Amino acid sequence: MIQSPYQKYQQAQAQTASKPKLLIMLYDGAIRFVKAGVEGIEERNYEKANNNLCKAQAIVHELISALNFDFAIAGDLLMIYEYMLHCLIESNVKKNRELAEEVLVHLSDLRETWIEASKLPDVATSV
């Protein structure tokens, strides 16, 4: 399968990124897909909405699978991620833009938190 230079660059970025950077990349992808899902709902392009909200759900599932339960915060993050999944599913089924926008707020807040946390020396090696 032929990949564009951009796809090759993205693949190299993911393969060489640190754990905190990978986590932030996941948040970036989820945010991008939720925004595209909201656009699909607004445009009444329900195929676009469905495809993108499902991609966002897949990323949230990946975030769940990456949780390290050696840390107490993992249980709290699991509850947040499960709530976001619920909102994404409801948003997709009911074509409710507000639920997806709520998820955007949570994803953006968590992304910013991880950016700040990744600057701490202990977090960069233990994520």
C-alpha atoms as a PDB file:
ATOM      1  CA  MET A   1       0.000   0.000   0.000  1.00  0.00           C
ATOM      2  CA  ILE A   2       1.484   3.288  -1.087  1.00  0.00           C
ATOM      3  CA  GLN A   3       1.611   5.931   1.607  1.00  0.00           C
ATOM      4  CA  SER A   4       1.900   9.631   1.057  1.00  0.00           C
ATOM      5  CA  PRO A   5       4.933  11.382   2.514  1.00  0.00           C
ATOM      6  CA  TYR A   6       2.649  12.903   5.135  1.00  0.00           C
ATOM      7  CA  GLN A   7       1.376   9.462   6.179  1.00  0.00           C
ATOM      8  CA  LYS A   8       4.969   8.212   6.421  1.00  0.00           C
ATOM      9  CA  TYR A   9       5.855  11.247   8.537  1.00  0.00           C
ATOM     10  CA  GLN A  10       2.893  10.627  10.857  1.00  0.00           C
ATOM     11  CA  GLN A  11       3.853   6.981  11.228  1.00  0.00           C
ATOM     12  CA  ALA A  12       7.452   7.911  12.072  1.00  0.00           C
ATOM     13  CA  GLN A  13       6.207  10.485  14.593  1.00  0.00           C
ATOM     14  CA  ALA A  14       4.078   7.893  16.376  1.00  0.00           C
ATOM     15  CA  GLN A  15       6.810   5.260  16.372  1.00  0.00           C
ATOM     16  CA  THR A  16       9.432   7.557  17.869  1.00  0.00           C
ATOM     17  CA  ALA A  17       7.307   9.625  20.263  1.00  0.00           C
ATOM     18  CA  SER A  18       7.651   9.426  24.028  1.00  0.00           C
ATOM     19  CA  LYS A  19       4.748   8.031  26.066  1.00  0.00           C
ATOM     20  CA  PRO A  20       3.489  11.480  27.109  1.00  0.00           C
ATOM     21  CA  LYS A  21       3.713  12.683  23.500  1.00  0.00           C
ATOM     22  CA  LEU A  22       1.742   9.630  22.300  1.00  0.00           C
ATOM     23  CA  LEU A  23      -0.933  10.341  24.886  1.00  0.00           C
ATOM     24  CA  ILE A  24      -1.221  13.948  23.737  1.00  0.00           C
ATOM     25  CA  MET A  25      -1.387  12.764  20.124  1.00  0.00           C
ATOM     26  CA  LEU A  26      -4.326  10.526  21.071  1.00  0.00           C
ATOM     27  CA  TYR A  27      -6.097  13.488  22.647  1.00  0.00           C
ATOM     28  CA  ASP A  28      -5.409  15.575  19.537  1.00  0.00           C
ATOM     29  CA  GLY A  29      -6.942  12.887  17.343  1.00  0.00           C
ATOM     30  CA  ALA A  30      -9.994  12.478  19.556  1.00  0.00           C
ATOM     31  CA  ILE A  31     -10.546  16.239  19.622  1.00  0.00           C
ATOM     32  CA  ARG A  32     -10.223  16.431  15.833  1.00  0.00           C
ATOM     33  CA  PHE A  33     -12.723  13.582  15.311  1.00  0.00           C
ATOM     34  CA  VAL A  34     -15.257  14.967  17.798  1.00  0.00           C
ATOM     35  CA  LYS A  35     -15.092  18.374  16.085  1.00  0.00           C
ATOM     36  CA  ALA A  36     -15.661  16.689  12.722  1.00  0.00           C
ATOM     37  CA  GLY A  37     -18.557  14.731  14.238  1.00  0.00           C
ATOM     38  CA  VAL A  38     -20.132  17.946  15.494  1.00  0.00           C
ATOM     39  CA  GLU A  39     -19.712  19.434  12.006  1.00  0.00           C
ATOM     40  CA  GLY A  40     -21.466  16.393  10.556  1.00  0.00           C
ATOM     41  CA  ILE A  41     -24.385  16.838  12.941  1.00  0.00           C
ATOM     42  CA  GLU A  42     -24.617  20.554  12.126  1.00  0.00           C
ATOM     43  CA  GLU A  43     -24.494  19.832   8.383  1.00  0.00           C
ATOM     44  CA  ARG A  44     -27.017  16.994   8.770  1.00  0.00           C
ATOM     45  CA  ASN A  45     -24.384  14.772   7.191  1.00  0.00           C
ATOM     46  CA  TYR A  46     -25.048  11.855   9.486  1.00  0.00           C
ATOM     47  CA  GLU A  47     -22.557   9.541   7.809  1.00  0.00           C
ATOM     48  CA  LYS A  48     -19.790  12.048   8.536  1.00  0.00           C
ATOM     49  CA  ALA A  49     -21.050  12.466  12.094  1.00  0.00           C
ATOM     50  CA  ASN A  50     -21.212   8.720  12.677  1.00  0.00           C
ATOM     51  CA  ASN A  51     -17.793   7.962  11.176  1.00  0.00           C
ATOM     52  CA  ASN A  52     -16.027  10.645  13.160  1.00  0.00           C
ATOM     53  CA  LEU A  53     -17.788  10.054  16.467  1.00  0.00           C
ATOM     54  CA  CYS A  54     -16.986   6.334  16.136  1.00  0.00           C
ATOM     55  CA  LYS A  55     -13.320   7.189  15.527  1.00  0.00           C
ATOM     56  CA  ALA A  56     -13.353   9.361  18.656  1.00  0.00           C
ATOM     57  CA  GLN A  57     -14.867   6.458  20.601  1.00  0.00           C
ATOM     58  CA  ALA A  58     -12.079   4.180  19.364  1.00  0.00           C
ATOM     59  CA  ILE A  59      -9.480   6.630  20.658  1.00  0.00           C
ATOM     60  CA  VAL A  60     -11.186   6.857  24.040  1.00  0.00           C
ATOM     61  CA  HIS A  61     -11.116   3.053  24.164  1.00  0.00           C
ATOM     62  CA  GLU A  62      -7.381   3.257  23.446  1.00  0.00           C
ATOM     63  CA  LEU A  63      -6.960   5.761  26.280  1.00  0.00           C
ATOM     64  CA  ILE A  64      -8.757   3.326  28.582  1.00  0.00           C
ATOM     65  CA  SER A  65      -6.514   0.463  27.535  1.00  0.00           C
ATOM     66  CA  ALA A  66      -3.445   2.604  28.229  1.00  0.00           C
ATOM     67  CA  LEU A  67      -4.413   3.296  31.848  1.00  0.00           C
ATOM     68  CA  ASN A  68      -1.875   2.182  34.431  1.00  0.00           C
ATOM     69  CA  PHE A  69      -3.798   1.092  37.519  1.00  0.00           C
ATOM     70  CA  ASP A  70      -0.633   1.239  39.622  1.00  0.00           C
ATOM     71  CA  PHE A  71      -1.577   4.905  40.003  1.00  0.00           C
ATOM     72  CA  ALA A  72      -4.664   5.957  41.960  1.00  0.00           C
ATOM     73  CA  ILE A  73      -5.726   8.480  39.319  1.00  0.00           C
ATOM     74  CA  ALA A  74      -6.367   5.681  36.811  1.00  0.00           C
ATOM     75  CA  GLY A  75      -9.697   4.812  38.428  1.00  0.00           C
ATOM     76  CA  ASP A  76     -10.857   8.426  38.187  1.00  0.00           C
ATOM     77  CA  LEU A  77      -9.712   8.662  34.580  1.00  0.00           C
ATOM     78  CA  LEU A  78     -11.567   5.443  33.796  1.00  0.00           C
ATOM     79  CA  MET A  79     -14.816   6.969  35.081  1.00  0.00           C
ATOM     80  CA  ILE A  80     -14.240  10.121  32.999  1.00  0.00           C
ATOM     81  CA  TYR A  81     -13.434   8.103  29.875  1.00  0.00           C
ATOM     82  CA  GLU A  82     -16.503   5.904  30.365  1.00  0.00           C
ATOM     83  CA  TYR A  83     -18.658   9.001  30.756  1.00  0.00           C
ATOM     84  CA  MET A  84     -17.178  10.441  27.561  1.00  0.00           C
ATOM     85  CA  LEU A  85     -17.927   7.180  25.731  1.00  0.00           C
ATOM     86  CA  HIS A  86     -21.523   7.336  26.969  1.00  0.00           C
ATOM     87  CA  CYS A  87     -21.852  10.938  25.746  1.00  0.00           C
ATOM     88  CA  LEU A  88     -20.300  10.119  22.356  1.00  0.00           C
ATOM     89  CA  ILE A  89     -22.660   7.185  21.845  1.00  0.00           C
ATOM     90  CA  GLU A  90     -25.702   9.217  22.895  1.00  0.00           C
ATOM     91  CA  SER A  91     -24.575  12.112  20.703  1.00  0.00           C
ATOM     92  CA  ASN A  92     -24.225   9.796  17.743  1.00  0.00           C
ATOM     93  CA  VAL A  93     -27.528   7.993  18.257  1.00  0.00           C
ATOM     94  CA  LYS A  94     -29.559  11.133  18.980  1.00  0.00           C
ATOM     95  CA  LYS A  95     -27.495  13.447  16.733  1.00  0.00           C
ATOM     96  CA  ASN A  96     -27.107  15.715  19.741  1.00  0.00           C
ATOM     97  CA  ARG A  97     -24.338  18.234  19.198  1.00  0.00           C
ATOM     98  CA  GLU A  98     -24.293  19.416  22.829  1.00  0.00           C
ATOM     99  CA  LEU A  99     -23.213  16.021  24.180  1.00  0.00           C
ATOM    100  CA  ALA A 100     -20.298  15.867  21.753  1.00  0.00           C
ATOM    101  CA  GLU A 101     -19.327  19.428  22.648  1.00  0.00           C
ATOM    102  CA  GLU A 102     -19.280  18.446  26.319  1.00  0.00           C
ATOM    103  CA  VAL A 103     -16.824  15.683  25.445  1.00  0.00           C
ATOM    104  CA  LEU A 104     -14.698  18.264  23.619  1.00  0.00           C
ATOM    105  CA  VAL A 105     -14.425  20.283  26.820  1.00  0.00           C
ATOM    106  CA  HIS A 106     -13.311  17.227  28.808  1.00  0.00           C
ATOM    107  CA  LEU A 107     -10.821  16.140  26.156  1.00  0.00           C
ATOM    108  CA  SER A 108      -9.337  19.626  25.892  1.00  0.00           C
ATOM    109  CA  ASP A 109      -9.021  19.966  29.665  1.00  0.00           C
ATOM    110  CA  LEU A 110      -7.381  16.553  30.003  1.00  0.00           C
ATOM    111  CA  ARG A 111      -5.037  17.293  27.100  1.00  0.00           C
ATOM    112  CA  GLU A 112      -3.863  20.504  28.741  1.00  0.00           C
ATOM    113  CA  THR A 113      -3.428  18.698  32.059  1.00  0.00           C
ATOM    114  CA  TRP A 114      -1.265  16.018  30.428  1.00  0.00           C
ATOM    115  CA  ILE A 115       0.819  18.664  28.670  1.00  0.00           C
ATOM    116  CA  GLU A 116       1.563  20.282  32.019  1.00  0.00           C
ATOM    117  CA  ALA A 117       2.117  16.931  33.741  1.00  0.00           C
ATOM    118  CA  SER A 118       4.495  15.781  31.009  1.00  0.00           C
ATOM    119  CA  LYS A 119       6.796  18.659  31.921  1.00  0.00           C
ATOM    120  CA  LEU A 120       7.350  17.106  35.353  1.00  0.00           C
ATOM    121  CA  PRO A 121      10.389  14.787  35.410  1.00  0.00           C
ATOM    122  CA  ASP A 122       8.650  11.884  37.193  1.00  0.00           C
ATOM    123  CA  VAL A 123       5.622  11.867  34.896  1.00  0.00           C
ATOM    124  CA  ALA A 124       7.592  11.832  31.658  1.00  0.00           C
ATOM    125  CA  THR A 125       9.110   8.457  32.567  1.00  0.00           C
ATOM    126  CA  SER A 126       6.135   6.791  34.285  1.00  0.00           C
ATOM    127  CA  VAL A 127       3.170   7.444  31.963  1.00  0.00           C
END
